[in-house]
């Protein structure tokens, strides 16, 4: 019986100390928002990059002026901008997640958590 009481006391002490140790890192802060943004950018990058790659491959036989004229059109220019923005955002979120998972010093995590994405 005393074992059960001591275990609950240890759990209570641990639960009280946990918020002071975490300092809002990880999913307790905004993990679901980052997960949704990571998923959204992953879904956006796939069709955008496939379309952009197919368009670039279709321009391989044309000259530079034809490629510049094609890229000056609104839809291909918007697609190129979107694939670059979605790719950079997806990469930044992924790198940030890896650093948070593997950085073991407090100063690295605190410095990284000050940078907001999105």
PDB file of N, CA and C in Angstrom:
ATOM      1  N   UNK A   1       0.813  -1.192   0.000  1.00  0.00           N
ATOM      2  CA  UNK A   1       0.000   0.000   0.000  1.00  0.00           C
ATOM      3  C   UNK A   1       0.856   1.255   0.000  1.00  0.00           C
ATOM      4  N   UNK A   2       1.970   1.222   0.714  1.00  0.00           N
ATOM      5  CA  UNK A   2       2.841   2.403   0.740  1.00  0.00           C
ATOM      6  C   UNK A   2       3.522   2.604  -0.609  1.00  0.00           C
ATOM      7  N   UNK A   3       3.713   1.502  -1.344  1.00  0.00           N
ATOM      8  CA  UNK A   3       4.305   1.632  -2.677  1.00  0.00           C
ATOM      9  C   UNK A   3       3.400   2.438  -3.601  1.00  0.00           C
ATOM     10  N   UNK A   4       2.099   2.179  -3.552  1.00  0.00           N
ATOM     11  CA  UNK A   4       1.154   2.892  -4.403  1.00  0.00           C
ATOM     12  C   UNK A   4       1.125   4.374  -4.038  1.00  0.00           C
ATOM     13  N   UNK A   5       1.188   4.667  -2.749  1.00  0.00           N
ATOM     14  CA  UNK A   5       1.183   6.063  -2.324  1.00  0.00           C
ATOM     15  C   UNK A   5       2.456   6.767  -2.771  1.00  0.00           C
ATOM     16  N   UNK A   6       3.582   6.112  -2.645  1.00  0.00           N
ATOM     17  CA  UNK A   6       4.840   6.757  -3.040  1.00  0.00           C
ATOM     18  C   UNK A   6       4.906   6.947  -4.557  1.00  0.00           C
ATOM     19  N   UNK A   7       4.347   6.017  -5.319  1.00  0.00           N
ATOM     20  CA  UNK A   7       4.334   6.186  -6.770  1.00  0.00           C
ATOM     21  C   UNK A   7       3.468   7.370  -7.179  1.00  0.00           C
ATOM     22  N   UNK A   8       2.306   7.527  -6.554  1.00  0.00           N
ATOM     23  CA  UNK A   8       1.446   8.652  -6.907  1.00  0.00           C
ATOM     24  C   UNK A   8       2.085   9.969  -6.484  1.00  0.00           C
ATOM     25  N   UNK A   9       2.809   9.964  -5.352  1.00  0.00           N
ATOM     26  CA  UNK A   9       3.507  11.179  -4.946  1.00  0.00           C
ATOM     27  C   UNK A   9       4.596  11.535  -5.955  1.00  0.00           C
ATOM     28  N   UNK A  10       5.321  10.532  -6.429  1.00  0.00           N
ATOM     29  CA  UNK A  10       6.365  10.790  -7.424  1.00  0.00           C
ATOM     30  C   UNK A  10       5.759  11.302  -8.727  1.00  0.00           C
ATOM     31  N   UNK A  11       4.647  10.733  -9.109  1.00  0.00           N
ATOM     32  CA  UNK A  11       3.980  11.181 -10.327  1.00  0.00           C
ATOM     33  C   UNK A  11       3.505  12.616 -10.189  1.00  0.00           C
ATOM     34  N   UNK A  12       2.946  12.941  -9.019  1.00  0.00           N
ATOM     35  CA  UNK A  12       2.462  14.307  -8.794  1.00  0.00           C
ATOM     36  C   UNK A  12       3.616  15.295  -8.825  1.00  0.00           C
ATOM     37  N   UNK A  13       4.730  14.941  -8.231  1.00  0.00           N
ATOM     38  CA  UNK A  13       5.887  15.827  -8.256  1.00  0.00           C
ATOM     39  C   UNK A  13       6.429  15.980  -9.680  1.00  0.00           C
ATOM     40  N   UNK A  14       6.444  14.895 -10.414  1.00  0.00           N
ATOM     41  CA  UNK A  14       6.923  14.959 -11.782  1.00  0.00           C
ATOM     42  C   UNK A  14       5.990  15.811 -12.633  1.00  0.00           C
ATOM     43  N   UNK A  15       4.683  15.667 -12.446  1.00  0.00           N
ATOM     44  CA  UNK A  15       3.727  16.434 -13.235  1.00  0.00           C
ATOM     45  C   UNK A  15       3.803  17.925 -12.927  1.00  0.00           C
ATOM     46  N   UNK A  16       4.113  18.274 -11.698  1.00  0.00           N
ATOM     47  CA  UNK A  16       4.250  19.688 -11.358  1.00  0.00           C
ATOM     48  C   UNK A  16       5.506  20.281 -11.977  1.00  0.00           C
ATOM     49  N   UNK A  17       6.562  19.492 -12.067  1.00  0.00           N
ATOM     50  CA  UNK A  17       7.834  20.004 -12.575  1.00  0.00           C
ATOM     51  C   UNK A  17       7.897  20.002 -14.094  1.00  0.00           C
ATOM     52  N   UNK A  18       7.066  19.228 -14.756  1.00  0.00           N
ATOM     53  CA  UNK A  18       7.143  19.082 -16.208  1.00  0.00           C
ATOM     54  C   UNK A  18       6.954  20.396 -16.965  1.00  0.00           C
ATOM     55  N   UNK A  19       5.954  21.223 -16.659  1.00  0.00           N
ATOM     56  CA  UNK A  19       5.810  22.461 -17.427  1.00  0.00           C
ATOM     57  C   UNK A  19       7.006  23.399 -17.289  1.00  0.00           C
ATOM     58  N   UNK A  20       7.701  23.336 -16.178  1.00  0.00           N
ATOM     59  CA  UNK A  20       8.857  24.206 -16.000  1.00  0.00           C
ATOM     60  C   UNK A  20      10.035  23.729 -16.843  1.00  0.00           C
ATOM     61  N   UNK A  21      10.118  22.442 -17.083  1.00  0.00           N
ATOM     62  CA  UNK A  21      11.229  21.911 -17.868  1.00  0.00           C
ATOM     63  C   UNK A  21      10.999  22.045 -19.365  1.00  0.00           C
ATOM     64  N   UNK A  22       9.752  21.961 -19.828  1.00  0.00           N
ATOM     65  CA  UNK A  22       9.508  21.923 -21.266  1.00  0.00           C
ATOM     66  C   UNK A  22       9.667  23.273 -21.939  1.00  0.00           C
ATOM     67  N   UNK A  23       9.276  24.336 -21.307  1.00  0.00           N
ATOM     68  CA  UNK A  23       9.399  25.695 -21.839  1.00  0.00           C
ATOM     69  C   UNK A  23       8.780  25.834 -23.228  1.00  0.00           C
ATOM     70  N   UNK A  24       7.675  25.193 -23.450  1.00  0.00           N
ATOM     71  CA  UNK A  24       6.869  25.307 -24.671  1.00  0.00           C
ATOM     72  C   UNK A  24       7.590  24.840 -25.927  1.00  0.00           C
ATOM     73  N   UNK A  25       8.430  23.823 -25.828  1.00  0.00           N
ATOM     74  CA  UNK A  25       9.054  23.256 -27.007  1.00  0.00           C
ATOM     75  C   UNK A  25       8.195  22.118 -27.535  1.00  0.00           C
ATOM     76  N   UNK A  26       8.276  21.871 -28.828  1.00  0.00           N
ATOM     77  CA  UNK A  26       7.641  20.708 -29.418  1.00  0.00           C
ATOM     78  C   UNK A  26       6.154  20.853 -29.614  1.00  0.00           C
ATOM     79  N   UNK A  27       5.473  19.728 -29.578  1.00  0.00           N
ATOM     80  CA  UNK A  27       4.049  19.700 -29.917  1.00  0.00           C
ATOM     81  C   UNK A  27       3.185  20.358 -28.855  1.00  0.00           C
ATOM     82  N   UNK A  28       3.710  20.578 -27.663  1.00  0.00           N
ATOM     83  CA  UNK A  28       2.919  21.253 -26.646  1.00  0.00           C
ATOM     84  C   UNK A  28       2.667  22.705 -27.030  1.00  0.00           C
ATOM     85  N   UNK A  29       3.477  23.234 -27.917  1.00  0.00           N
ATOM     86  CA  UNK A  29       3.324  24.629 -28.298  1.00  0.00           C
ATOM     87  C   UNK A  29       2.495  24.777 -29.566  1.00  0.00           C
ATOM     88  N   UNK A  30       3.016  24.320 -30.686  1.00  0.00           N
ATOM     89  CA  UNK A  30       2.289  24.476 -31.949  1.00  0.00           C
ATOM     90  C   UNK A  30       2.603  23.335 -32.906  1.00  0.00           C
ATOM     91  N   UNK A  31       2.712  22.147 -32.394  1.00  0.00           N
ATOM     92  CA  UNK A  31       3.058  20.999 -33.223  1.00  0.00           C
ATOM     93  C   UNK A  31       2.004  20.653 -34.248  1.00  0.00           C
ATOM     94  N   UNK A  32       0.739  20.780 -33.891  1.00  0.00           N
ATOM     95  CA  UNK A  32      -0.309  20.431 -34.848  1.00  0.00           C
ATOM     96  C   UNK A  32      -0.362  21.433 -35.997  1.00  0.00           C
ATOM     97  N   UNK A  33      -0.097  22.700 -35.709  1.00  0.00           N
ATOM     98  CA  UNK A  33      -0.091  23.702 -36.767  1.00  0.00           C
ATOM     99  C   UNK A  33       1.064  23.437 -37.735  1.00  0.00           C
ATOM    100  N   UNK A  34       2.230  23.105 -37.193  1.00  0.00           N
ATOM    101  CA  UNK A  34       3.376  22.802 -38.042  1.00  0.00           C
ATOM    102  C   UNK A  34       3.152  21.515 -38.829  1.00  0.00           C
ATOM    103  N   UNK A  35       2.516  20.526 -38.210  1.00  0.00           N
ATOM    104  CA  UNK A  35       2.233  19.274 -38.915  1.00  0.00           C
ATOM    105  C   UNK A  35       1.289  19.526 -40.086  1.00  0.00           C
ATOM    106  N   UNK A  36       0.246  20.335 -39.849  1.00  0.00           N
ATOM    107  CA  UNK A  36      -0.695  20.644 -40.923  1.00  0.00           C
ATOM    108  C   UNK A  36      -0.014  21.409 -42.060  1.00  0.00           C
ATOM    109  N   UNK A  37       0.830  22.384 -41.692  1.00  0.00           N
ATOM    110  CA  UNK A  37       1.531  23.147 -42.721  1.00  0.00           C
ATOM    111  C   UNK A  37       2.505  22.263 -43.485  1.00  0.00           C
ATOM    112  N   UNK A  38       3.187  21.361 -42.782  1.00  0.00           N
ATOM    113  CA  UNK A  38       4.113  20.433 -43.441  1.00  0.00           C
ATOM    114  C   UNK A  38       3.350  19.524 -44.407  1.00  0.00           C
ATOM    115  N   UNK A  39       2.210  19.019 -43.983  1.00  0.00           N
ATOM    116  CA  UNK A  39       1.405  18.151 -44.847  1.00  0.00           C
ATOM    117  C   UNK A  39       0.856  18.915 -46.049  1.00  0.00           C
ATOM    118  N   UNK A  40       0.393  20.119 -45.814  1.00  0.00           N
ATOM    119  CA  UNK A  40      -0.152  20.933 -46.896  1.00  0.00           C
ATOM    120  C   UNK A  40       0.920  21.257 -47.933  1.00  0.00           C
ATOM    121  N   UNK A  41       2.105  21.621 -47.476  1.00  0.00           N
ATOM    122  CA  UNK A  41       3.166  21.928 -48.437  1.00  0.00           C
ATOM    123  C   UNK A  41       3.637  20.672 -49.163  1.00  0.00           C
ATOM    124  N   UNK A  42       3.627  19.522 -48.477  1.00  0.00           N
ATOM    125  CA  UNK A  42       4.006  18.272 -49.145  1.00  0.00           C
ATOM    126  C   UNK A  42       3.010  17.930 -50.243  1.00  0.00           C
ATOM    127  N   UNK A  43       1.731  18.123 -49.949  1.00  0.00           N
ATOM    128  CA  UNK A  43       0.699  17.845 -50.946  1.00  0.00           C
ATOM    129  C   UNK A  43       0.796  18.835 -52.103  1.00  0.00           C
ATOM    130  N   UNK A  44       1.139  20.084 -51.818  1.00  0.00           N
ATOM    131  CA  UNK A  44       1.230  21.102 -52.867  1.00  0.00           C
ATOM    132  C   UNK A  44       2.475  20.923 -53.728  1.00  0.00           C
ATOM    133  N   UNK A  45       3.571  20.497 -53.124  1.00  0.00           N
ATOM    134  CA  UNK A  45       4.830  20.391 -53.875  1.00  0.00           C
ATOM    135  C   UNK A  45       4.754  19.305 -54.950  1.00  0.00           C
ATOM    136  N   UNK A  46       4.079  18.225 -54.679  1.00  0.00           N
ATOM    137  CA  UNK A  46       4.057  17.096 -55.619  1.00  0.00           C
ATOM    138  C   UNK A  46       3.445  17.480 -56.969  1.00  0.00           C
ATOM    139  N   UNK A  47       2.195  17.932 -57.028  1.00  0.00           N
ATOM    140  CA  UNK A  47       1.647  18.253 -58.354  1.00  0.00           C
ATOM    141  C   UNK A  47       2.302  19.477 -58.991  1.00  0.00           C
ATOM    142  N   UNK A  48       2.676  20.452 -58.166  1.00  0.00           N
ATOM    143  CA  UNK A  48       3.313  21.640 -58.727  1.00  0.00           C
ATOM    144  C   UNK A  48       4.657  21.303 -59.364  1.00  0.00           C
ATOM    145  N   UNK A  49       5.453  20.488 -58.679  1.00  0.00           N
ATOM    146  CA  UNK A  49       6.762  20.140 -59.242  1.00  0.00           C
ATOM    147  C   UNK A  49       6.622  19.226 -60.458  1.00  0.00           C
ATOM    148  N   UNK A  50       5.642  18.326 -60.449  1.00  0.00           N
ATOM    149  CA  UNK A  50       5.420  17.476 -61.625  1.00  0.00           C
ATOM    150  C   UNK A  50       5.005  18.315 -62.837  1.00  0.00           C
ATOM    151  N   UNK A  51       4.113  19.266 -62.616  1.00  0.00           N
ATOM    152  CA  UNK A  51       3.684  20.148 -63.704  1.00  0.00           C
ATOM    153  C   UNK A  51       4.843  20.997 -64.195  1.00  0.00           C
ATOM    154  N   UNK A  52       5.619  21.539 -63.266  1.00  0.00           N
ATOM    155  CA  UNK A  52       6.740  22.383 -63.646  1.00  0.00           C
ATOM    156  C   UNK A  52       7.808  21.585 -64.397  1.00  0.00           C
ATOM    157  N   UNK A  53       8.089  20.365 -63.937  1.00  0.00           N
ATOM    158  CA  UNK A  53       9.082  19.520 -64.612  1.00  0.00           C
ATOM    159  C   UNK A  53       8.617  19.135 -66.015  1.00  0.00           C
ATOM    160  N   UNK A  54       7.329  18.795 -66.151  1.00  0.00           N
ATOM    161  CA  UNK A  54       6.800  18.453 -67.477  1.00  0.00           C
ATOM    162  C   UNK A  54       6.851  19.666 -68.407  1.00  0.00           C
ATOM    163  N   UNK A  55       6.575  20.842 -67.877  1.00  0.00           N
ATOM    164  CA  UNK A  55       6.624  22.050 -68.693  1.00  0.00           C
ATOM    165  C   UNK A  55       8.045  22.372 -69.133  1.00  0.00           C
ATOM    166  N   UNK A  56       8.990  22.208 -68.227  1.00  0.00           N
ATOM    167  CA  UNK A  56      10.388  22.463 -68.570  1.00  0.00           C
ATOM    168  C   UNK A  56      10.880  21.442 -69.594  1.00  0.00           C
ATOM    169  N   UNK A  57      10.483  20.182 -69.432  1.00  0.00           N
ATOM    170  CA  UNK A  57      10.882  19.164 -70.406  1.00  0.00           C
ATOM    171  C   UNK A  57      10.303  19.434 -71.784  1.00  0.00           C
ATOM    172  N   UNK A  58       9.111  20.008 -71.826  1.00  0.00           N
ATOM    173  CA  UNK A  58       8.529  20.334 -73.130  1.00  0.00           C
ATOM    174  C   UNK A  58       9.254  21.507 -73.799  1.00  0.00           C
ATOM    175  N   UNK A  59       9.983  22.291 -73.014  1.00  0.00           N
ATOM    176  CA  UNK A  59      10.717  23.437 -73.561  1.00  0.00           C
ATOM    177  C   UNK A  59      12.164  23.106 -73.932  1.00  0.00           C
ATOM    178  N   UNK A  60      12.573  21.851 -73.810  1.00  0.00           N
ATOM    179  CA  UNK A  60      13.969  21.509 -74.071  1.00  0.00           C
ATOM    180  C   UNK A  60      14.378  21.707 -75.524  1.00  0.00           C
ATOM    181  N   UNK A  61      13.459  21.559 -76.428  1.00  0.00           N
ATOM    182  CA  UNK A  61      13.800  21.708 -77.842  1.00  0.00           C
ATOM    183  C   UNK A  61      13.641  23.147 -78.328  1.00  0.00           C
ATOM    184  N   UNK A  62      13.057  24.005 -77.532  1.00  0.00           N
ATOM    185  CA  UNK A  62      12.852  25.387 -77.960  1.00  0.00           C
ATOM    186  C   UNK A  62      14.051  26.260 -77.574  1.00  0.00           C
ATOM    187  N   UNK A  63      14.060  27.461 -78.111  1.00  0.00           N
ATOM    188  CA  UNK A  63      15.160  28.368 -77.801  1.00  0.00           C
ATOM    189  C   UNK A  63      14.867  29.171 -76.527  1.00  0.00           C
ATOM    190  N   UNK A  64      15.824  30.013 -76.166  1.00  0.00           N
ATOM    191  CA  UNK A  64      15.723  30.770 -74.918  1.00  0.00           C
ATOM    192  C   UNK A  64      14.558  31.757 -74.947  1.00  0.00           C
ATOM    193  N   UNK A  65      14.305  32.369 -76.099  1.00  0.00           N
ATOM    194  CA  UNK A  65      13.220  33.352 -76.199  1.00  0.00           C
ATOM    195  C   UNK A  65      11.863  32.683 -75.980  1.00  0.00           C
ATOM    196  N   UNK A  66      11.676  31.491 -76.503  1.00  0.00           N
ATOM    197  CA  UNK A  66      10.406  30.782 -76.311  1.00  0.00           C
ATOM    198  C   UNK A  66      10.203  30.418 -74.838  1.00  0.00           C
ATOM    199  N   UNK A  67      11.281  30.026 -74.168  1.00  0.00           N
ATOM    200  CA  UNK A  67      11.179  29.701 -72.741  1.00  0.00           C
ATOM    201  C   UNK A  67      10.882  30.952 -71.922  1.00  0.00           C
ATOM    202  N   UNK A  68      11.500  32.075 -72.276  1.00  0.00           N
ATOM    203  CA  UNK A  68      11.233  33.325 -71.560  1.00  0.00           C
ATOM    204  C   UNK A  68       9.810  33.788 -71.802  1.00  0.00           C
ATOM    205  N   UNK A  69       9.326  33.640 -73.042  1.00  0.00           N
ATOM    206  CA  UNK A  69       7.939  34.005 -73.344  1.00  0.00           C
ATOM    207  C   UNK A  69       6.961  33.118 -72.579  1.00  0.00           C
ATOM    208  N   UNK A  70       7.286  31.830 -72.485  1.00  0.00           N
ATOM    209  CA  UNK A  70       6.412  30.911 -71.740  1.00  0.00           C
ATOM    210  C   UNK A  70       6.361  31.284 -70.265  1.00  0.00           C
ATOM    211  N   UNK A  71       7.513  31.612 -69.691  1.00  0.00           N
ATOM    212  CA  UNK A  71       7.558  31.953 -68.269  1.00  0.00           C
ATOM    213  C   UNK A  71       6.954  33.323 -67.980  1.00  0.00           C
ATOM    214  N   UNK A  72       6.823  34.165 -69.001  1.00  0.00           N
ATOM    215  CA  UNK A  72       6.214  35.475 -68.792  1.00  0.00           C
ATOM    216  C   UNK A  72       4.687  35.411 -68.756  1.00  0.00           C
ATOM    217  N   UNK A  73       4.121  34.278 -69.137  1.00  0.00           N
ATOM    218  CA  UNK A  73       2.672  34.106 -69.044  1.00  0.00           C
ATOM    219  C   UNK A  73       2.264  33.981 -67.578  1.00  0.00           C
ATOM    220  N   UNK A  74       1.062  34.425 -67.206  1.00  0.00           N
ATOM    221  CA  UNK A  74       0.677  34.449 -65.794  1.00  0.00           C
ATOM    222  C   UNK A  74       0.606  33.073 -65.119  1.00  0.00           C
ATOM    223  N   UNK A  75       0.026  32.093 -65.773  1.00  0.00           N
ATOM    224  CA  UNK A  75      -0.152  30.784 -65.130  1.00  0.00           C
ATOM    225  C   UNK A  75       1.180  30.061 -64.907  1.00  0.00           C
ATOM    226  N   UNK A  76       2.061  29.958 -65.899  1.00  0.00           N
ATOM    227  CA  UNK A  76       3.347  29.315 -65.624  1.00  0.00           C
ATOM    228  C   UNK A  76       4.201  30.087 -64.620  1.00  0.00           C
ATOM    229  N   UNK A  77       4.138  31.410 -64.642  1.00  0.00           N
ATOM    230  CA  UNK A  77       4.901  32.203 -63.675  1.00  0.00           C
ATOM    231  C   UNK A  77       4.379  31.965 -62.262  1.00  0.00           C
ATOM    232  N   UNK A  78       3.053  31.930 -62.113  1.00  0.00           N
ATOM    233  CA  UNK A  78       2.467  31.667 -60.801  1.00  0.00           C
ATOM    234  C   UNK A  78       2.812  30.252 -60.328  1.00  0.00           C
ATOM    235  N   UNK A  79       2.787  29.288 -61.236  1.00  0.00           N
ATOM    236  CA  UNK A  79       3.145  27.917 -60.864  1.00  0.00           C
ATOM    237  C   UNK A  79       4.602  27.828 -60.422  1.00  0.00           C
ATOM    238  N   UNK A  80       5.478  28.552 -61.113  1.00  0.00           N
ATOM    239  CA  UNK A  80       6.899  28.547 -60.732  1.00  0.00           C
ATOM    240  C   UNK A  80       7.100  29.194 -59.363  1.00  0.00           C
ATOM    241  N   UNK A  81       6.430  30.285 -59.119  1.00  0.00           N
ATOM    242  CA  UNK A  81       6.531  30.948 -57.816  1.00  0.00           C
ATOM    243  C   UNK A  81       5.988  30.048 -56.716  1.00  0.00           C
ATOM    244  N   UNK A  82       4.860  29.409 -56.963  1.00  0.00           N
ATOM    245  CA  UNK A  82       4.255  28.540 -55.945  1.00  0.00           C
ATOM    246  C   UNK A  82       5.118  27.318 -55.640  1.00  0.00           C
ATOM    247  N   UNK A  83       5.734  26.723 -56.662  1.00  0.00           N
ATOM    248  CA  UNK A  83       6.572  25.552 -56.402  1.00  0.00           C
ATOM    249  C   UNK A  83       7.810  25.944 -55.602  1.00  0.00           C
ATOM    250  N   UNK A  84       8.363  27.117 -55.873  1.00  0.00           N
ATOM    251  CA  UNK A  84       9.529  27.568 -55.107  1.00  0.00           C
ATOM    252  C   UNK A  84       9.132  27.883 -53.662  1.00  0.00           C
ATOM    253  N   UNK A  85       8.041  28.619 -53.467  1.00  0.00           N
ATOM    254  CA  UNK A  85       7.605  28.964 -52.109  1.00  0.00           C
ATOM    255  C   UNK A  85       7.207  27.735 -51.297  1.00  0.00           C
ATOM    256  N   UNK A  86       6.452  26.836 -51.913  1.00  0.00           N
ATOM    257  CA  UNK A  86       6.041  25.623 -51.199  1.00  0.00           C
ATOM    258  C   UNK A  86       7.243  24.747 -50.878  1.00  0.00           C
ATOM    259  N   UNK A  87       8.184  24.649 -51.782  1.00  0.00           N
ATOM    260  CA  UNK A  87       9.381  23.840 -51.539  1.00  0.00           C
ATOM    261  C   UNK A  87      10.244  24.409 -50.430  1.00  0.00           C
ATOM    262  N   UNK A  88      10.444  25.717 -50.436  1.00  0.00           N
ATOM    263  CA  UNK A  88      11.249  26.346 -49.383  1.00  0.00           C
ATOM    264  C   UNK A  88      10.556  26.224 -48.038  1.00  0.00           C
ATOM    265  N   UNK A  89       9.250  26.468 -47.990  1.00  0.00           N
ATOM    266  CA  UNK A  89       8.517  26.348 -46.729  1.00  0.00           C
ATOM    267  C   UNK A  89       8.569  24.922 -46.203  1.00  0.00           C
ATOM    268  N   UNK A  90       8.374  23.962 -47.070  1.00  0.00           N
ATOM    269  CA  UNK A  90       8.420  22.552 -46.676  1.00  0.00           C
ATOM    270  C   UNK A  90       9.807  22.186 -46.143  1.00  0.00           C
ATOM    271  N   UNK A  91      10.835  22.661 -46.805  1.00  0.00           N
ATOM    272  CA  UNK A  91      12.204  22.370 -46.364  1.00  0.00           C
ATOM    273  C   UNK A  91      12.514  23.031 -45.026  1.00  0.00           C
ATOM    274  N   UNK A  92      12.088  24.265 -44.843  1.00  0.00           N
ATOM    275  CA  UNK A  92      12.354  24.962 -43.581  1.00  0.00           C
ATOM    276  C   UNK A  92      11.671  24.285 -42.398  1.00  0.00           C
ATOM    277  N   UNK A  93      10.439  23.868 -42.599  1.00  0.00           N
ATOM    278  CA  UNK A  93       9.730  23.179 -41.517  1.00  0.00           C
ATOM    279  C   UNK A  93      10.401  21.856 -41.203  1.00  0.00           C
ATOM    280  N   UNK A  94      10.828  21.142 -42.232  1.00  0.00           N
ATOM    281  CA  UNK A  94      11.511  19.869 -42.010  1.00  0.00           C
ATOM    282  C   UNK A  94      12.834  20.027 -41.289  1.00  0.00           C
ATOM    283  N   UNK A  95      13.627  21.012 -41.697  1.00  0.00           N
ATOM    284  CA  UNK A  95      14.921  21.245 -41.037  1.00  0.00           C
ATOM    285  C   UNK A  95      14.706  21.681 -39.598  1.00  0.00           C
ATOM    286  N   UNK A  96      13.725  22.533 -39.380  1.00  0.00           N
ATOM    287  CA  UNK A  96      13.427  22.984 -38.017  1.00  0.00           C
ATOM    288  C   UNK A  96      13.020  21.804 -37.138  1.00  0.00           C
ATOM    289  N   UNK A  97      12.221  20.919 -37.672  1.00  0.00           N
ATOM    290  CA  UNK A  97      11.794  19.746 -36.919  1.00  0.00           C
ATOM    291  C   UNK A  97      12.971  18.833 -36.582  1.00  0.00           C
ATOM    292  N   UNK A  98      13.860  18.635 -37.544  1.00  0.00           N
ATOM    293  CA  UNK A  98      15.037  17.792 -37.303  1.00  0.00           C
ATOM    294  C   UNK A  98      15.932  18.412 -36.240  1.00  0.00           C
ATOM    295  N   UNK A  99      16.147  19.721 -36.321  1.00  0.00           N
ATOM    296  CA  UNK A  99      16.994  20.383 -35.330  1.00  0.00           C
ATOM    297  C   UNK A  99      16.368  20.296 -33.944  1.00  0.00           C
ATOM    298  N   UNK A 100      15.059  20.508 -33.856  1.00  0.00           N
ATOM    299  CA  UNK A 100      14.404  20.416 -32.556  1.00  0.00           C
ATOM    300  C   UNK A 100      14.473  19.009 -31.988  1.00  0.00           C
ATOM    301  N   UNK A 101      14.411  18.015 -32.854  1.00  0.00           N
ATOM    302  CA  UNK A 101      14.477  16.640 -32.378  1.00  0.00           C
ATOM    303  C   UNK A 101      15.882  16.240 -31.952  1.00  0.00           C
ATOM    304  N   UNK A 102      16.897  16.840 -32.570  1.00  0.00           N
ATOM    305  CA  UNK A 102      18.256  16.364 -32.340  1.00  0.00           C
ATOM    306  C   UNK A 102      19.180  17.375 -31.665  1.00  0.00           C
ATOM    307  N   UNK A 103      18.753  18.609 -31.482  1.00  0.00           N
ATOM    308  CA  UNK A 103      19.587  19.589 -30.782  1.00  0.00           C
ATOM    309  C   UNK A 103      19.418  19.370 -29.286  1.00  0.00           C
ATOM    310  N   UNK A 104      20.517  19.183 -28.608  1.00  0.00           N
ATOM    311  CA  UNK A 104      20.426  18.831 -27.198  1.00  0.00           C
ATOM    312  C   UNK A 104      20.829  19.956 -26.262  1.00  0.00           C
ATOM    313  N   UNK A 105      21.157  21.107 -26.792  1.00  0.00           N
ATOM    314  CA  UNK A 105      21.481  22.210 -25.902  1.00  0.00           C
ATOM    315  C   UNK A 105      20.321  23.182 -25.871  1.00  0.00           C
ATOM    316  N   UNK A 106      20.115  23.787 -24.743  1.00  0.00           N
ATOM    317  CA  UNK A 106      18.983  24.675 -24.552  1.00  0.00           C
ATOM    318  C   UNK A 106      19.095  25.911 -25.447  1.00  0.00           C
ATOM    319  N   UNK A 107      20.294  26.460 -25.601  1.00  0.00           N
ATOM    320  CA  UNK A 107      20.433  27.695 -26.371  1.00  0.00           C
ATOM    321  C   UNK A 107      20.081  27.487 -27.840  1.00  0.00           C
ATOM    322  N   UNK A 108      20.428  26.347 -28.420  1.00  0.00           N
ATOM    323  CA  UNK A 108      20.058  26.082 -29.812  1.00  0.00           C
ATOM    324  C   UNK A 108      18.547  26.012 -29.969  1.00  0.00           C
ATOM    325  N   UNK A 109      17.897  25.301 -29.059  1.00  0.00           N
ATOM    326  CA  UNK A 109      16.439  25.178 -29.155  1.00  0.00           C
ATOM    327  C   UNK A 109      15.763  26.518 -28.949  1.00  0.00           C
ATOM    328  N   UNK A 110      16.224  27.301 -27.955  1.00  0.00           N
ATOM    329  CA  UNK A 110      15.602  28.594 -27.701  1.00  0.00           C
ATOM    330  C   UNK A 110      15.793  29.538 -28.875  1.00  0.00           C
ATOM    331  N   UNK A 111      16.971  29.532 -29.467  1.00  0.00           N
ATOM    332  CA  UNK A 111      17.235  30.392 -30.619  1.00  0.00           C
ATOM    333  C   UNK A 111      16.354  29.980 -31.793  1.00  0.00           C
ATOM    334  N   UNK A 112      16.178  28.690 -31.983  1.00  0.00           N
ATOM    335  CA  UNK A 112      15.360  28.205 -33.096  1.00  0.00           C
ATOM    336  C   UNK A 112      13.880  28.464 -32.847  1.00  0.00           C
ATOM    337  N   UNK A 113      13.425  28.372 -31.618  1.00  0.00           N
ATOM    338  CA  UNK A 113      12.007  28.555 -31.328  1.00  0.00           C
ATOM    339  C   UNK A 113      11.599  30.017 -31.497  1.00  0.00           C
ATOM    340  N   UNK A 114      12.551  30.944 -31.442  1.00  0.00           N
ATOM    341  CA  UNK A 114      12.201  32.351 -31.642  1.00  0.00           C
ATOM    342  C   UNK A 114      11.856  32.636 -33.099  1.00  0.00           C
ATOM    343  N   UNK A 115      12.343  31.824 -34.011  1.00  0.00           N
ATOM    344  CA  UNK A 115      12.070  32.004 -35.439  1.00  0.00           C
ATOM    345  C   UNK A 115      10.728  31.352 -35.740  1.00  0.00           C
ATOM    346  N   UNK A 116       9.781  32.131 -36.165  1.00  0.00           N
ATOM    347  CA  UNK A 116       8.445  31.626 -36.486  1.00  0.00           C
ATOM    348  C   UNK A 116       8.335  31.398 -37.980  1.00  0.00           C
ATOM    349  N   UNK A 117       7.720  30.296 -38.356  1.00  0.00           N
ATOM    350  CA  UNK A 117       7.497  29.971 -39.762  1.00  0.00           C
ATOM    351  C   UNK A 117       6.011  30.097 -40.046  1.00  0.00           C
ATOM    352  N   UNK A 118       5.673  30.734 -41.137  1.00  0.00           N
ATOM    353  CA  UNK A 118       4.284  30.795 -41.558  1.00  0.00           C
ATOM    354  C   UNK A 118       3.567  31.989 -41.162  1.00  0.00           C
TER     355      UNK A 118
END
